[in-house]
Amino acid sequence: MVRNYSGPGAVELFESLAQHTEELEELMSSVEGFVSYTLVRTAKGGYAVTICETQAGIDESVLKAKKWVEANAADTGVRPPEVISGDVLIHCD
């Protein structure tokens, strides 16, 4: 699943995320069926990639991310992300 953040407040959101990487690693790795979590900063904001073993894990990760943003970065004014999900065909570490 990919959550893409862009538009007003997205750059500021990723500035905040960069300051809380350890907290976010702990939060996202607590998700049911967690496999991996990646944050990528771009010139216009960034995106998060979450891989879980089940749809329930993906749903949980979306909720945890939403709650974290509401509690820690609501002042950025960032819009809800574009969410894209599907089945993993290849995953390499």
Protein backbone atom coordinates (compact mmCIF):
# COMPACT_ATOMS: atom_id res chain seq x y z
CA MET A 1 0.00 0.00 0.00
CA VAL A 2 1.25 3.46 -0.88
CA ARG A 3 0.10 6.68 0.77
CA ASN A 4 1.09 9.67 -1.37
CA TYR A 5 1.09 13.09 0.31
CA SER A 6 1.26 16.19 -1.90
CA GLY A 7 -0.14 19.69 -2.04
CA PRO A 8 -0.34 22.23 0.78
CA GLY A 9 1.35 21.07 3.97
CA ALA A 10 2.95 17.95 2.50
CA VAL A 11 6.53 19.26 2.65
CA GLU A 12 5.96 20.36 6.25
CA LEU A 13 4.50 16.96 7.11
CA PHE A 14 7.62 15.22 5.88
CA GLU A 15 9.80 17.61 7.84
CA SER A 16 7.89 16.48 10.94
CA LEU A 17 8.08 12.81 9.96
CA ALA A 18 11.86 13.10 9.52
CA GLN A 19 12.12 14.28 13.13
CA HIS A 20 10.19 11.25 14.44
CA THR A 21 11.63 8.30 12.50
CA GLU A 22 12.26 6.05 15.52
CA GLU A 23 8.75 6.64 16.86
CA LEU A 24 7.26 5.91 13.42
CA GLU A 25 9.31 2.73 12.99
CA GLU A 26 8.03 1.46 16.33
CA LEU A 27 4.44 2.46 15.54
CA MET A 28 4.30 0.90 12.09
CA SER A 29 6.18 -2.27 13.01
CA SER A 30 3.50 -2.92 15.66
CA VAL A 31 0.91 -3.42 12.89
CA GLU A 32 -0.59 -6.91 12.58
CA GLY A 33 1.25 -8.89 9.88
CA PHE A 34 3.86 -6.15 9.39
CA VAL A 35 6.47 -6.86 6.69
CA SER A 36 8.04 -3.48 5.89
CA TYR A 37 7.56 0.29 6.03
CA THR A 38 9.37 2.94 3.99
CA LEU A 39 9.09 6.73 3.98
CA VAL A 40 10.32 8.64 0.93
CA ARG A 41 10.64 12.42 0.85
CA THR A 42 10.11 14.15 -2.51
CA ALA A 43 10.32 17.77 -3.61
CA LYS A 44 6.52 18.08 -3.24
CA GLY A 45 5.99 16.05 -0.06
CA GLY A 46 6.51 12.32 -0.08
CA TYR A 47 5.04 8.89 0.22
CA ALA A 48 4.91 5.94 2.57
CA VAL A 49 5.03 2.33 1.42
CA THR A 50 3.66 -0.28 3.80
CA ILE A 51 3.67 -4.01 3.20
CA CYS A 52 1.65 -6.31 5.44
CA GLU A 53 0.66 -9.95 5.19
CA THR A 54 -3.07 -9.19 5.34
CA GLN A 55 -5.58 -6.53 4.40
CA ALA A 56 -6.34 -6.16 8.11
CA GLY A 57 -2.72 -5.08 8.63
CA ILE A 58 -2.96 -2.55 5.82
CA ASP A 59 -6.20 -1.15 7.27
CA GLU A 60 -4.57 -0.90 10.69
CA SER A 61 -1.53 0.90 9.24
CA VAL A 62 -3.75 3.47 7.49
CA LEU A 63 -5.58 4.16 10.76
CA LYS A 64 -2.34 4.45 12.76
CA ALA A 65 -0.84 6.81 10.18
CA LYS A 66 -3.97 8.97 10.16
CA LYS A 67 -4.03 9.18 13.97
CA TRP A 68 -0.31 10.02 14.10
CA VAL A 69 -0.74 12.87 11.62
CA GLU A 70 -3.79 14.19 13.49
CA ALA A 71 -1.90 14.11 16.82
CA ASN A 72 1.50 15.34 15.63
CA ALA A 73 1.18 17.26 12.37
CA ALA A 74 -2.37 18.59 12.10
CA ASP A 75 -0.98 22.13 12.01
CA THR A 76 0.61 21.44 8.61
CA GLY A 77 -2.80 21.51 6.93
CA VAL A 78 -1.86 18.50 4.82
CA ARG A 79 -4.68 16.86 2.88
CA PRO A 80 -5.47 13.16 3.31
CA PRO A 81 -3.13 11.10 1.16
CA GLU A 82 -3.91 9.37 -2.09
CA VAL A 83 -3.99 5.69 -1.09
CA ILE A 84 -3.06 2.97 -3.56
CA SER A 85 -3.08 -0.70 -2.62
CA GLY A 86 -2.76 -4.04 -4.31
CA ASP A 87 -1.19 -7.45 -4.09
CA VAL A 88 2.59 -7.78 -3.90
CA LEU A 89 4.08 -9.63 -6.84
CA ILE A 90 7.76 -9.31 -5.87
CA HIS A 91 9.35 -8.12 -2.63
CA CYS A 92 13.15 -8.11 -2.33
CA ASP A 93 15.18 -7.12 0.71
